[in-house]
C-alpha atoms as a PDB file:
ATOM      1  CA  PHE A   1      59.548  68.428 -20.824  1.00  0.00           C
ATOM      2  CA  ILE A   2      60.325  71.336 -23.322  1.00  0.00           C
ATOM      3  CA  ASN A   3      63.620  69.862 -24.708  1.00  0.00           C
ATOM      4  CA  GLY A   4      62.808  66.282 -24.182  1.00  0.00           C
ATOM      5  CA  ILE A   5      63.545  63.513 -21.724  1.00  0.00           C
ATOM      6  CA  PRO A   6      66.426  64.527 -19.228  1.00  0.00           C
ATOM      7  CA  LYS A   7      69.740  63.263 -20.390  1.00  0.00           C
ATOM      8  CA  ILE A   8      73.009  63.048 -18.807  1.00  0.00           C
ATOM      9  CA  ASN A   9      76.531  62.463 -20.430  1.00  0.00           C
ATOM     10  CA  ILE A  10      79.159  61.173 -17.950  1.00  0.00           C
ATOM     11  CA  ASN A  11      82.928  61.372 -18.877  1.00  0.00           C
ATOM     12  CA  THR A  12      84.655  59.414 -16.148  1.00  0.00           C
ATOM     13  CA  ALA A  13      88.148  59.802 -17.599  1.00  0.00           C
ATOM     14  CA  ALA A  14      87.707  63.619 -17.284  1.00  0.00           C
ATOM     15  CA  SER A  15      85.500  63.466 -14.209  1.00  0.00           C
ATOM     16  CA  LYS A  16      82.927  65.694 -15.939  1.00  0.00           C
ATOM     17  CA  PHE A  17      79.258  65.543 -16.757  1.00  0.00           C
ATOM     18  CA  THR A  18      76.902  67.350 -18.964  1.00  0.00           C
ATOM     19  CA  GLY A  19      73.203  67.101 -19.706  1.00  0.00           C
ATOM     20  CA  THR A  20      69.636  68.497 -19.911  1.00  0.00           C
ATOM     21  CA  ALA A  21      67.028  68.465 -17.151  1.00  0.00           C
ATOM     22  CA  GLY A  22      64.271  68.584 -19.623  1.00  0.00           C
ATOM     23  CA  CYS A  23      64.471  72.400 -20.034  1.00  0.00           C
ATOM     24  CA  ASN A  24      67.787  73.816 -18.868  1.00  0.00           C
ATOM     25  CA  SER A  25      71.273  72.338 -19.683  1.00  0.00           C
ATOM     26  CA  PHE A  26      73.802  71.685 -16.971  1.00  0.00           C
ATOM     27  CA  GLU A  27      77.366  70.615 -16.381  1.00  0.00           C
ATOM     28  CA  GLY A  28      79.778  70.074 -13.522  1.00  0.00           C
ATOM     29  CA  ASN A  29      82.477  67.720 -12.071  1.00  0.00           C
ATOM     30  CA  LEU A  30      82.237  64.098 -10.872  1.00  0.00           C
ATOM     31  CA  PHE A  31      83.719  62.998  -7.625  1.00  0.00           C
ATOM     32  CA  SER A  32      83.823  59.262  -6.334  1.00  0.00           C
ATOM     33  CA  LYS A  33      85.248  58.507  -2.874  1.00  0.00           C
ATOM     34  CA  GLU A  34      83.551  55.082  -2.248  1.00  0.00           C
ATOM     35  CA  LYS A  35      82.534  51.973  -4.132  1.00  0.00           C
ATOM     36  CA  ASN A  36      79.216  52.731  -6.045  1.00  0.00           C
ATOM     37  CA  GLY A  37      79.155  56.237  -4.705  1.00  0.00           C
ATOM     38  CA  LEU A  38      79.072  59.462  -6.950  1.00  0.00           C
ATOM     39  CA  GLN A  39      78.870  63.190  -6.211  1.00  0.00           C
ATOM     40  CA  PHE A  40      77.973  65.662  -8.915  1.00  0.00           C
ATOM     41  CA  LEU A  41      79.859  68.844  -7.894  1.00  0.00           C
ATOM     42  CA  ASN A  42      79.859  72.461  -9.227  1.00  0.00           C
ATOM     43  CA  VAL A  43      76.596  71.870 -10.966  1.00  0.00           C
ATOM     44  CA  SER A  44      75.997  74.933 -13.341  1.00  0.00           C
ATOM     45  CA  LEU A  45      72.662  75.411 -14.984  1.00  0.00           C
ATOM     46  CA  THR A  46      71.570  77.541 -17.940  1.00  0.00           C
ATOM     47  CA  LYS A  47      68.321  79.330 -17.387  1.00  0.00           C
ATOM     48  CA  VAL A  48      65.516  79.259 -19.893  1.00  0.00           C
ATOM     49  CA  LYS A  49      62.899  82.059 -19.294  1.00  0.00           C
ATOM     50  CA  LYS A  50      59.727  79.794 -20.089  1.00  0.00           C
ATOM     51  CA  CYS A  51      60.239  76.410 -18.365  1.00  0.00           C
ATOM     52  CA  SER A  52      56.741  74.749 -17.552  1.00  0.00           C
ATOM     53  CA  THR A  53      58.372  71.779 -15.990  1.00  0.00           C
ATOM     54  CA  LYS A  54      60.503  73.593 -13.367  1.00  0.00           C
ATOM     55  CA  ALA A  55      59.170  71.260 -10.478  1.00  0.00           C
ATOM     56  CA  ARG A  56      60.178  68.123 -12.141  1.00  0.00           C
ATOM     57  CA  GLU A  57      63.536  69.619 -13.297  1.00  0.00           C
ATOM     58  CA  GLY A  58      64.144  70.668  -9.678  1.00  0.00           C
ATOM     59  CA  ASP A  59      63.664  67.156  -8.421  1.00  0.00           C
ATOM     60  CA  TYR A  60      65.991  65.748 -10.972  1.00  0.00           C
ATOM     61  CA  LEU A  61      68.769  68.333 -10.034  1.00  0.00           C
ATOM     62  CA  LYS A  62      68.187  67.812  -6.230  1.00  0.00           C
ATOM     63  CA  LEU A  63      68.945  64.140  -6.828  1.00  0.00           C
ATOM     64  CA  LEU A  64      72.208  64.922  -8.700  1.00  0.00           C
ATOM     65  CA  LYS A  65      73.268  67.343  -5.929  1.00  0.00           C
ATOM     66  CA  SER A  66      72.895  64.858  -3.150  1.00  0.00           C
ATOM     67  CA  ASN A  67      75.130  61.912  -2.296  1.00  0.00           C
ATOM     68  CA  ILE A  68      74.455  59.230  -4.713  1.00  0.00           C
ATOM     69  CA  LYS A  69      74.711  55.599  -4.881  1.00  0.00           C
ATOM     70  CA  TYR A  70      74.670  53.936  -8.237  1.00  0.00           C
ATOM     71  CA  ASP A  71      74.268  50.492  -9.824  1.00  0.00           C
ATOM     72  CA  VAL A  72      74.735  49.435 -13.553  1.00  0.00           C
ATOM     73  CA  ASP A  73      72.168  46.853 -14.682  1.00  0.00           C
ATOM     74  CA  GLY A  74      72.891  46.113 -18.369  1.00  0.00           C
ATOM     75  CA  ASP A  75      72.282  49.344 -20.227  1.00  0.00           C
ATOM     76  CA  LYS A  76      70.620  51.056 -17.144  1.00  0.00           C
ATOM     77  CA  LEU A  77      72.333  53.272 -14.681  1.00  0.00           C
ATOM     78  CA  LYS A  78      70.364  53.311 -11.480  1.00  0.00           C
ATOM     79  CA  LEU A  79      70.729  56.361  -9.173  1.00  0.00           C
ATOM     80  CA  SER A  80      69.426  56.686  -5.660  1.00  0.00           C
ATOM     81  CA  ASN A  81      70.132  58.908  -2.605  1.00  0.00           C
ATOM     82  CA  GLN A  82      69.828  58.796   1.265  1.00  0.00           C
ATOM     83  CA  PHE A  83      66.271  60.441   0.935  1.00  0.00           C
ATOM     84  CA  GLY A  84      64.760  57.599  -1.136  1.00  0.00           C
ATOM     85  CA  MET A  85      64.906  59.620  -4.429  1.00  0.00           C
ATOM     86  CA  GLY A  86      65.752  57.572  -7.467  1.00  0.00           C
ATOM     87  CA  LEU A  87      66.423  57.573 -11.169  1.00  0.00           C
ATOM     88  CA  VAL A  88      66.970  55.148 -13.814  1.00  0.00           C
ATOM     89  CA  LEU A  89      68.874  56.201 -17.048  1.00  0.00           C
ATOM     90  CA  LYS A  90      69.030  54.222 -20.150  1.00  0.00           C
ATOM     91  CA  LYS A  91      72.112  54.217 -22.335  1.00  0.00           C
ATOM     92  CA  ALA A  92      71.603  56.002 -25.599  1.00  0.00           C
END
């Protein structure tokens, strides 16, 4: 990834998130209507002209744009969707 490992910052009090997908930055709103469920809404993305990891970045963003189930395990946030895609994020 050009700009390092993908990262996400979640602000539950403001129902917002920001992050990087490894090349481009993104931000949007959070919504939760069920226990252990999250939706990342209104995802806006900055575009970098030269992004050699576009496919991996696309997979990361595709996961965020789907209906997500989450689980917190110590310092890890585990995200998964109905299509079997998953992601584990470590607390910085």
